[in-house]
N, C-alpha and C. Protein backbone atom coordinates (compact mmCIF):
# COMPACT_ATOMS: atom_id res chain seq x y z
N MET A 1 115.65 215.14 88.59
CA MET A 1 114.87 214.30 89.47
C MET A 1 113.65 215.08 89.93
N PRO A 2 112.45 214.50 89.79
CA PRO A 2 111.25 215.23 90.19
C PRO A 2 111.19 215.43 91.70
N GLY A 3 110.35 216.36 92.11
CA GLY A 3 110.18 216.65 93.52
C GLY A 3 109.55 215.49 94.28
N ARG A 4 109.38 215.68 95.54
CA ARG A 4 108.80 214.66 96.40
C ARG A 4 107.38 214.35 95.98
N ALA A 5 107.02 213.09 96.02
CA ALA A 5 105.66 212.67 95.66
C ALA A 5 104.66 213.28 96.64
N PRO A 6 103.51 213.69 96.16
CA PRO A 6 102.52 214.27 97.08
C PRO A 6 101.99 213.22 98.05
N ARG A 7 101.62 213.67 99.22
CA ARG A 7 101.03 212.77 100.21
C ARG A 7 99.65 212.36 99.74
N LEU A 8 99.30 211.14 100.06
CA LEU A 8 97.98 210.66 99.69
C LEU A 8 96.94 210.96 100.76
N PHE A 9 97.38 211.49 101.87
CA PHE A 9 96.45 211.89 102.93
C PHE A 9 96.75 213.32 103.31
N LEU A 10 95.79 213.95 103.93
CA LEU A 10 95.98 215.33 104.38
C LEU A 10 96.27 215.30 105.88
N PRO A 11 97.44 215.79 106.30
CA PRO A 11 97.75 215.81 107.73
C PRO A 11 96.70 216.59 108.52
N TYR A 12 96.47 216.16 109.74
CA TYR A 12 95.43 216.76 110.58
C TYR A 12 95.57 218.28 110.68
N ARG A 13 96.77 218.76 110.83
CA ARG A 13 96.98 220.22 110.99
C ARG A 13 96.57 221.01 109.75
N ARG A 14 96.45 220.33 108.60
CA ARG A 14 96.04 221.01 107.36
C ARG A 14 94.57 220.78 107.02
N TRP A 15 93.85 220.07 107.86
CA TRP A 15 92.42 219.87 107.63
C TRP A 15 91.71 221.22 107.68
N PRO A 16 90.62 221.35 106.94
CA PRO A 16 89.79 222.55 107.11
C PRO A 16 89.32 222.65 108.57
N ALA A 17 89.17 223.87 109.06
CA ALA A 17 88.79 224.08 110.46
C ALA A 17 87.48 223.37 110.81
N THR A 18 86.54 223.36 109.89
CA THR A 18 85.25 222.69 110.16
C THR A 18 85.45 221.21 110.40
N ASP A 19 86.31 220.58 109.63
CA ASP A 19 86.56 219.15 109.78
C ASP A 19 87.23 218.86 111.12
N ARG A 20 88.20 219.69 111.48
CA ARG A 20 88.86 219.49 112.78
C ARG A 20 87.86 219.63 113.92
N ARG A 21 87.00 220.63 113.82
CA ARG A 21 85.99 220.85 114.87
C ARG A 21 85.03 219.65 114.94
N LEU A 22 84.57 219.18 113.80
CA LEU A 22 83.67 218.02 113.79
C LEU A 22 84.33 216.79 114.38
N TRP A 23 85.60 216.58 114.02
CA TRP A 23 86.32 215.41 114.55
C TRP A 23 86.47 215.51 116.07
N GLU A 24 86.90 216.68 116.54
CA GLU A 24 87.10 216.86 117.98
C GLU A 24 85.78 216.68 118.75
N GLN A 25 84.71 217.24 118.21
CA GLN A 25 83.41 217.10 118.87
C GLN A 25 82.94 215.66 118.88
N SER A 26 83.26 214.91 117.85
CA SER A 26 82.76 213.54 117.74
C SER A 26 83.50 212.57 118.65
N ILE A 27 84.74 212.87 119.02
CA ILE A 27 85.49 211.93 119.84
C ILE A 27 85.73 212.41 121.26
N SER A 28 85.41 213.67 121.54
CA SER A 28 85.69 214.21 122.87
C SER A 28 84.62 213.78 123.85
N GLY A 29 85.01 213.77 125.07
CA GLY A 29 84.05 213.49 126.13
C GLY A 29 84.44 212.30 126.98
N VAL A 30 84.80 212.58 128.21
CA VAL A 30 85.07 211.52 129.16
C VAL A 30 83.80 211.20 129.94
N ASP A 31 82.81 212.04 129.78
CA ASP A 31 81.53 211.84 130.42
C ASP A 31 80.81 210.67 129.74
N PRO A 32 80.44 209.62 130.49
CA PRO A 32 79.77 208.48 129.88
C PRO A 32 78.39 208.82 129.30
N PHE A 33 77.85 209.99 129.66
CA PHE A 33 76.55 210.40 129.15
C PHE A 33 76.66 211.42 128.02
N ALA A 34 77.89 211.65 127.56
CA ALA A 34 78.10 212.62 126.47
C ALA A 34 77.46 212.11 125.19
N ASN A 35 77.08 213.05 124.34
CA ASN A 35 76.45 212.70 123.07
C ASN A 35 77.44 212.49 121.94
N ALA A 36 78.72 212.66 122.20
CA ALA A 36 79.73 212.49 121.15
C ALA A 36 79.67 211.05 120.63
N ALA A 37 79.38 210.91 119.34
CA ALA A 37 79.15 209.59 118.76
C ALA A 37 80.37 208.68 118.84
N GLY A 38 81.57 209.25 118.79
CA GLY A 38 82.77 208.42 118.80
C GLY A 38 83.54 208.44 120.09
N ALA A 39 82.98 209.05 121.13
CA ALA A 39 83.71 209.23 122.38
C ALA A 39 84.05 207.91 123.05
N ARG A 40 83.20 206.92 122.94
CA ARG A 40 83.44 205.66 123.62
C ARG A 40 84.01 204.58 122.70
N LEU A 41 84.44 204.98 121.52
CA LEU A 41 85.08 204.02 120.62
C LEU A 41 86.51 203.75 121.09
N ALA A 42 86.99 202.56 120.81
CA ALA A 42 88.37 202.23 121.14
C ALA A 42 89.31 203.15 120.38
N THR A 43 90.47 203.38 120.93
CA THR A 43 91.46 204.25 120.30
C THR A 43 91.81 203.76 118.90
N ALA A 44 91.96 202.46 118.73
CA ALA A 44 92.29 201.90 117.41
C ALA A 44 91.17 202.17 116.41
N THR A 45 89.94 202.10 116.86
CA THR A 45 88.81 202.36 115.99
C THR A 45 88.77 203.83 115.59
N GLN A 46 88.98 204.71 116.56
CA GLN A 46 89.05 206.14 116.26
C GLN A 46 90.15 206.43 115.25
N LYS A 47 91.28 205.78 115.41
CA LYS A 47 92.41 205.97 114.50
C LYS A 47 92.05 205.50 113.09
N SER A 48 91.36 204.39 112.99
CA SER A 48 90.93 203.87 111.69
C SER A 48 90.00 204.87 111.00
N TYR A 49 89.05 205.42 111.74
CA TYR A 49 88.12 206.40 111.17
C TYR A 49 88.87 207.67 110.76
N LEU A 50 89.81 208.11 111.60
CA LEU A 50 90.63 209.28 111.30
C LEU A 50 91.40 209.06 110.00
N PHE A 51 91.99 207.89 109.84
CA PHE A 51 92.76 207.59 108.62
C PHE A 51 91.85 207.58 107.40
N GLY A 52 90.65 207.07 107.53
CA GLY A 52 89.71 207.07 106.41
C GLY A 52 89.35 208.48 105.99
N TRP A 53 89.12 209.33 106.97
CA TRP A 53 88.76 210.73 106.67
C TRP A 53 89.93 211.49 106.05
N ARG A 54 91.12 211.33 106.63
CA ARG A 54 92.26 212.09 106.12
C ARG A 54 92.67 211.59 104.74
N ARG A 55 92.41 210.33 104.43
CA ARG A 55 92.72 209.81 103.09
C ARG A 55 91.80 210.44 102.06
N PHE A 56 90.52 210.61 102.40
CA PHE A 56 89.58 211.26 101.50
C PHE A 56 89.95 212.73 101.31
N LEU A 57 90.32 213.40 102.40
CA LEU A 57 90.74 214.80 102.29
C LEU A 57 92.00 214.93 101.44
N GLY A 58 92.90 213.97 101.58
CA GLY A 58 94.11 213.97 100.76
C GLY A 58 93.79 213.81 99.28
N PHE A 59 92.84 212.94 98.98
CA PHE A 59 92.39 212.77 97.59
C PHE A 59 91.84 214.08 97.06
N LEU A 60 91.01 214.74 97.85
CA LEU A 60 90.45 216.02 97.42
C LEU A 60 91.54 217.08 97.23
N ALA A 61 92.50 217.10 98.14
CA ALA A 61 93.59 218.08 98.03
C ALA A 61 94.38 217.88 96.74
N LEU A 62 94.54 216.64 96.31
CA LEU A 62 95.28 216.36 95.08
C LEU A 62 94.46 216.60 93.81
N HIS A 63 93.18 216.21 93.84
CA HIS A 63 92.39 216.19 92.61
C HIS A 63 91.31 217.26 92.51
N GLU A 64 90.88 217.77 93.65
CA GLU A 64 89.81 218.77 93.63
C GLU A 64 89.94 219.70 94.83
N PRO A 65 91.02 220.48 94.88
CA PRO A 65 91.29 221.31 96.06
C PRO A 65 90.16 222.27 96.43
N ALA A 66 89.41 222.74 95.46
CA ALA A 66 88.32 223.67 95.76
C ALA A 66 87.25 223.01 96.64
N ALA A 67 87.13 221.71 96.56
CA ALA A 67 86.12 221.00 97.36
C ALA A 67 86.40 221.09 98.85
N LEU A 68 87.65 221.34 99.21
CA LEU A 68 87.98 221.48 100.63
C LEU A 68 87.36 222.73 101.25
N GLN A 69 86.98 223.69 100.41
CA GLN A 69 86.34 224.90 100.90
C GLN A 69 84.85 224.70 101.17
N ALA A 70 84.29 223.64 100.60
CA ALA A 70 82.86 223.36 100.78
C ALA A 70 82.62 222.75 102.15
N ALA A 71 81.39 222.79 102.59
CA ALA A 71 81.01 222.16 103.85
C ALA A 71 81.23 220.65 103.73
N PRO A 72 81.61 219.98 104.81
CA PRO A 72 81.87 218.55 104.73
C PRO A 72 80.71 217.74 104.12
N THR A 73 79.48 218.09 104.45
CA THR A 73 78.35 217.34 103.90
C THR A 73 78.21 217.54 102.39
N GLU A 74 78.62 218.70 101.91
CA GLU A 74 78.53 218.98 100.47
C GLU A 74 79.62 218.28 99.67
N ARG A 75 80.69 217.87 100.33
CA ARG A 75 81.79 217.19 99.63
C ARG A 75 81.40 215.78 99.22
N PHE A 76 80.43 215.22 99.91
CA PHE A 76 80.05 213.83 99.66
C PHE A 76 79.02 213.76 98.54
N THR A 77 79.52 213.41 97.37
CA THR A 77 78.63 213.16 96.24
C THR A 77 79.02 211.79 95.68
N ILE A 78 78.09 211.17 95.01
CA ILE A 78 78.37 209.85 94.44
C ILE A 78 79.51 209.94 93.42
N GLU A 79 79.60 211.05 92.69
CA GLU A 79 80.66 211.21 91.71
C GLU A 79 82.03 211.28 92.38
N ARG A 80 82.11 212.01 93.48
CA ARG A 80 83.39 212.11 94.20
C ARG A 80 83.79 210.78 94.81
N ILE A 81 82.83 210.08 95.36
CA ILE A 81 83.14 208.77 95.95
C ILE A 81 83.56 207.80 94.84
N ARG A 82 82.93 207.88 93.70
CA ARG A 82 83.33 207.04 92.56
C ARG A 82 84.77 207.37 92.14
N SER A 83 85.10 208.66 92.05
CA SER A 83 86.47 209.06 91.70
C SER A 83 87.46 208.64 92.78
N PHE A 84 87.05 208.76 94.02
CA PHE A 84 87.91 208.36 95.15
C PHE A 84 88.20 206.87 95.08
N THR A 85 87.19 206.05 94.82
CA THR A 85 87.43 204.60 94.74
C THR A 85 88.31 204.25 93.54
N ALA A 86 88.14 204.95 92.43
CA ALA A 86 89.00 204.71 91.27
C ALA A 86 90.45 205.08 91.61
N HIS A 87 90.61 206.18 92.32
CA HIS A 87 91.93 206.62 92.76
C HIS A 87 92.55 205.58 93.70
N LEU A 88 91.79 205.09 94.64
CA LEU A 88 92.30 204.07 95.57
C LEU A 88 92.66 202.79 94.83
N ALA A 89 91.87 202.43 93.83
CA ALA A 89 92.09 201.18 93.10
C ALA A 89 93.40 201.17 92.33
N GLU A 90 93.98 202.34 92.10
CA GLU A 90 95.27 202.40 91.40
C GLU A 90 96.39 201.78 92.22
N THR A 91 96.27 201.82 93.54
CA THR A 91 97.35 201.33 94.40
C THR A 91 96.90 200.34 95.47
N ASN A 92 95.62 199.99 95.49
CA ASN A 92 95.10 199.10 96.52
C ASN A 92 94.36 197.93 95.91
N SER A 93 94.28 196.85 96.67
CA SER A 93 93.48 195.71 96.25
C SER A 93 92.01 196.08 96.40
N PRO A 94 91.11 195.37 95.73
CA PRO A 94 89.68 195.67 95.86
C PRO A 94 89.19 195.62 97.32
N ARG A 95 89.71 194.68 98.09
CA ARG A 95 89.31 194.57 99.49
C ARG A 95 89.78 195.79 100.29
N SER A 96 90.97 196.29 99.98
CA SER A 96 91.49 197.48 100.66
C SER A 96 90.70 198.72 100.29
N VAL A 97 90.29 198.80 99.03
CA VAL A 97 89.45 199.93 98.60
C VAL A 97 88.15 199.93 99.40
N ALA A 98 87.53 198.75 99.51
CA ALA A 98 86.29 198.64 100.29
C ALA A 98 86.53 199.04 101.74
N GLY A 99 87.66 198.63 102.30
CA GLY A 99 87.99 198.97 103.68
C GLY A 99 88.19 200.46 103.88
N GLN A 100 88.81 201.12 102.91
CA GLN A 100 89.03 202.57 103.01
C GLN A 100 87.69 203.32 102.92
N VAL A 101 86.83 202.89 102.03
CA VAL A 101 85.51 203.53 101.90
C VAL A 101 84.69 203.25 103.15
N ASP A 102 84.83 202.07 103.72
CA ASP A 102 84.14 201.72 104.96
C ASP A 102 84.59 202.65 106.09
N ALA A 103 85.91 202.88 106.20
CA ALA A 103 86.42 203.79 107.24
C ALA A 103 85.91 205.21 107.02
N LEU A 104 85.84 205.63 105.77
CA LEU A 104 85.31 206.96 105.46
C LEU A 104 83.83 207.06 105.85
N TYR A 105 83.07 206.03 105.52
CA TYR A 105 81.65 205.99 105.88
C TYR A 105 81.48 206.08 107.40
N LYS A 106 82.25 205.31 108.13
CA LYS A 106 82.12 205.30 109.59
C LYS A 106 82.55 206.64 110.19
N ALA A 107 83.58 207.25 109.62
CA ALA A 107 84.00 208.58 110.10
C ALA A 107 82.89 209.59 109.86
N ALA A 108 82.31 209.57 108.67
CA ALA A 108 81.23 210.50 108.35
C ALA A 108 80.04 210.29 109.28
N ARG A 109 79.73 209.03 109.56
CA ARG A 109 78.60 208.72 110.43
C ARG A 109 78.82 209.22 111.85
N VAL A 110 80.08 209.15 112.32
CA VAL A 110 80.41 209.60 113.67
C VAL A 110 80.50 211.13 113.73
N MET A 111 81.07 211.73 112.69
CA MET A 111 81.28 213.18 112.70
C MET A 111 80.00 213.95 112.40
N MET A 112 79.12 213.37 111.60
CA MET A 112 77.88 214.05 111.21
C MET A 112 76.71 213.08 111.36
N PRO A 113 76.39 212.70 112.59
CA PRO A 113 75.36 211.69 112.81
C PRO A 113 73.95 212.12 112.37
N GLU A 114 73.75 213.41 112.19
CA GLU A 114 72.42 213.88 111.79
C GLU A 114 72.14 213.64 110.31
N CYS A 115 73.16 213.32 109.53
CA CYS A 115 73.00 213.11 108.08
C CYS A 115 72.59 211.68 107.77
N ASP A 116 71.95 211.51 106.64
CA ASP A 116 71.55 210.19 106.17
C ASP A 116 72.67 209.63 105.30
N TRP A 117 73.36 208.63 105.80
CA TRP A 117 74.49 208.03 105.08
C TRP A 117 74.15 206.67 104.48
N THR A 118 72.87 206.36 104.30
CA THR A 118 72.51 205.04 103.78
C THR A 118 73.07 204.81 102.38
N TRP A 119 73.16 205.86 101.56
CA TRP A 119 73.69 205.67 100.22
C TRP A 119 75.17 205.31 100.26
N LEU A 120 75.94 205.91 101.19
CA LEU A 120 77.36 205.60 101.31
C LEU A 120 77.55 204.20 101.90
N LYS A 121 76.68 203.83 102.81
CA LYS A 121 76.72 202.48 103.37
C LYS A 121 76.48 201.45 102.27
N ALA A 122 75.53 201.74 101.39
CA ALA A 122 75.24 200.83 100.27
C ALA A 122 76.44 200.72 99.34
N VAL A 123 77.12 201.82 99.09
CA VAL A 123 78.31 201.81 98.22
C VAL A 123 79.40 200.93 98.82
N LYS A 124 79.70 201.14 100.10
CA LYS A 124 80.77 200.35 100.72
C LYS A 124 80.40 198.88 100.80
N THR A 125 79.12 198.58 100.99
CA THR A 125 78.67 197.18 101.01
C THR A 125 78.85 196.54 99.64
N ARG A 126 78.50 197.27 98.58
CA ARG A 126 78.69 196.74 97.22
C ARG A 126 80.17 196.53 96.91
N LEU A 127 81.02 197.43 97.39
CA LEU A 127 82.45 197.28 97.17
C LEU A 127 82.98 196.03 97.87
N TYR A 128 82.53 195.79 99.09
CA TYR A 128 82.95 194.57 99.80
C TYR A 128 82.46 193.32 99.06
N ARG A 129 81.23 193.34 98.59
CA ARG A 129 80.69 192.18 97.88
C ARG A 129 81.43 191.91 96.58
N ALA A 130 81.85 192.96 95.89
CA ALA A 130 82.53 192.81 94.60
C ALA A 130 83.99 192.37 94.77
N ALA A 131 84.56 192.60 95.95
CA ALA A 131 85.98 192.26 96.17
C ALA A 131 86.13 190.77 96.43
N PRO A 132 87.16 190.17 95.84
CA PRO A 132 87.43 188.77 96.16
C PRO A 132 87.76 188.64 97.64
N PRO A 133 87.49 187.47 98.23
CA PRO A 133 87.71 187.33 99.67
C PRO A 133 89.16 187.56 100.11
N HIS A 134 90.10 187.25 99.26
CA HIS A 134 91.50 187.51 99.56
C HIS A 134 92.29 187.53 98.26
N ALA A 135 93.46 188.11 98.34
CA ALA A 135 94.31 188.21 97.15
C ALA A 135 94.80 186.82 96.77
N PRO A 136 94.99 186.57 95.49
CA PRO A 136 95.52 185.27 95.09
C PRO A 136 96.90 185.07 95.70
N THR A 137 97.15 183.87 96.16
CA THR A 137 98.44 183.58 96.78
C THR A 137 99.31 182.80 95.81
N ARG A 138 100.56 182.97 95.99
CA ARG A 138 101.55 182.23 95.20
C ARG A 138 102.33 181.35 96.15
N PRO A 139 102.94 180.31 95.62
CA PRO A 139 103.73 179.45 96.50
C PRO A 139 104.88 180.22 97.14
N VAL A 140 105.17 179.91 98.36
CA VAL A 140 106.26 180.54 99.08
C VAL A 140 107.52 179.72 98.86
N ILE A 141 108.56 180.36 98.42
CA ILE A 141 109.83 179.68 98.20
C ILE A 141 110.76 180.09 99.33
N THR A 142 111.09 179.14 100.16
CA THR A 142 111.94 179.44 101.29
C THR A 142 113.41 179.15 101.01
N ARG A 143 113.67 178.18 100.14
CA ARG A 143 115.03 177.86 99.75
C ARG A 143 114.98 177.13 98.42
N PRO A 144 116.09 177.06 97.72
CA PRO A 144 116.08 176.34 96.45
C PRO A 144 115.76 174.86 96.66
N ALA A 145 115.09 174.28 95.70
CA ALA A 145 114.74 172.86 95.79
C ALA A 145 116.00 172.00 95.62
N PHE A 146 116.10 170.96 96.41
CA PHE A 146 117.21 170.01 96.32
C PHE A 146 116.73 168.74 95.64
N SER A 147 117.61 168.15 94.87
CA SER A 147 117.27 166.84 94.31
C SER A 147 117.40 165.80 95.43
N LYS A 148 116.87 164.62 95.19
CA LYS A 148 116.97 163.55 96.20
C LYS A 148 118.42 163.22 96.50
N PHE A 149 119.25 163.26 95.46
CA PHE A 149 120.66 162.95 95.65
C PHE A 149 121.33 163.99 96.54
N GLU A 150 121.04 165.28 96.29
CA GLU A 150 121.64 166.35 97.09
C GLU A 150 121.15 166.27 98.54
N SER A 151 119.88 165.94 98.71
CA SER A 151 119.35 165.79 100.07
C SER A 151 120.04 164.64 100.78
N TYR A 152 120.27 163.55 100.07
CA TYR A 152 120.94 162.38 100.65
C TYR A 152 122.37 162.73 101.03
N GLN A 153 123.07 163.47 100.14
CA GLN A 153 124.45 163.88 100.42
C GLN A 153 124.49 164.81 101.65
N ALA A 154 123.55 165.73 101.73
CA ALA A 154 123.50 166.66 102.86
C ALA A 154 123.27 165.90 104.16
N ALA A 155 122.40 164.89 104.13
CA ALA A 155 122.13 164.09 105.32
C ALA A 155 123.35 163.31 105.74
N LEU A 156 124.08 162.75 104.77
CA LEU A 156 125.28 161.97 105.07
C LEU A 156 126.39 162.85 105.64
N SER A 157 126.53 164.04 105.10
CA SER A 157 127.60 164.91 105.57
C SER A 157 127.35 165.43 106.98
N SER A 158 126.11 165.44 107.41
CA SER A 158 125.81 165.93 108.76
C SER A 158 126.07 164.86 109.81
N LEU A 159 126.30 163.62 109.38
CA LEU A 159 126.59 162.54 110.35
C LEU A 159 127.93 162.61 110.93
């Protein structure tokens, strides 16, 4: 039996120190005048951005571990994002892939607001546009179908 499947995300404690510092700086601050870009975001929003970032780091840890040694801004290349989306598409719907890239974009924008992220914004927008609005649905079967005769018998027996 093979070993445990690798995690698809990198736990916070295993993030590179630079990433942890950037994340902490971006969300810290109870001061309403603080410059932290994510300090006044709702907790759920911060969590969404955190999940997007850790999912990307997990992808790098699995497929390109040396990239974790690079500066966070250097990790973002169109080729890596293309590989990341292909990796996500193996287990996610197109809409979920777009959502994951969107969370990554928003995390990058909050953690490194001085960088120009217009190219990543364009990528996530194209992914959303290419994704169908929702997954195809199938009929829900709640119980086996009854014939009219069986329905009639069931109604009579309940009297």
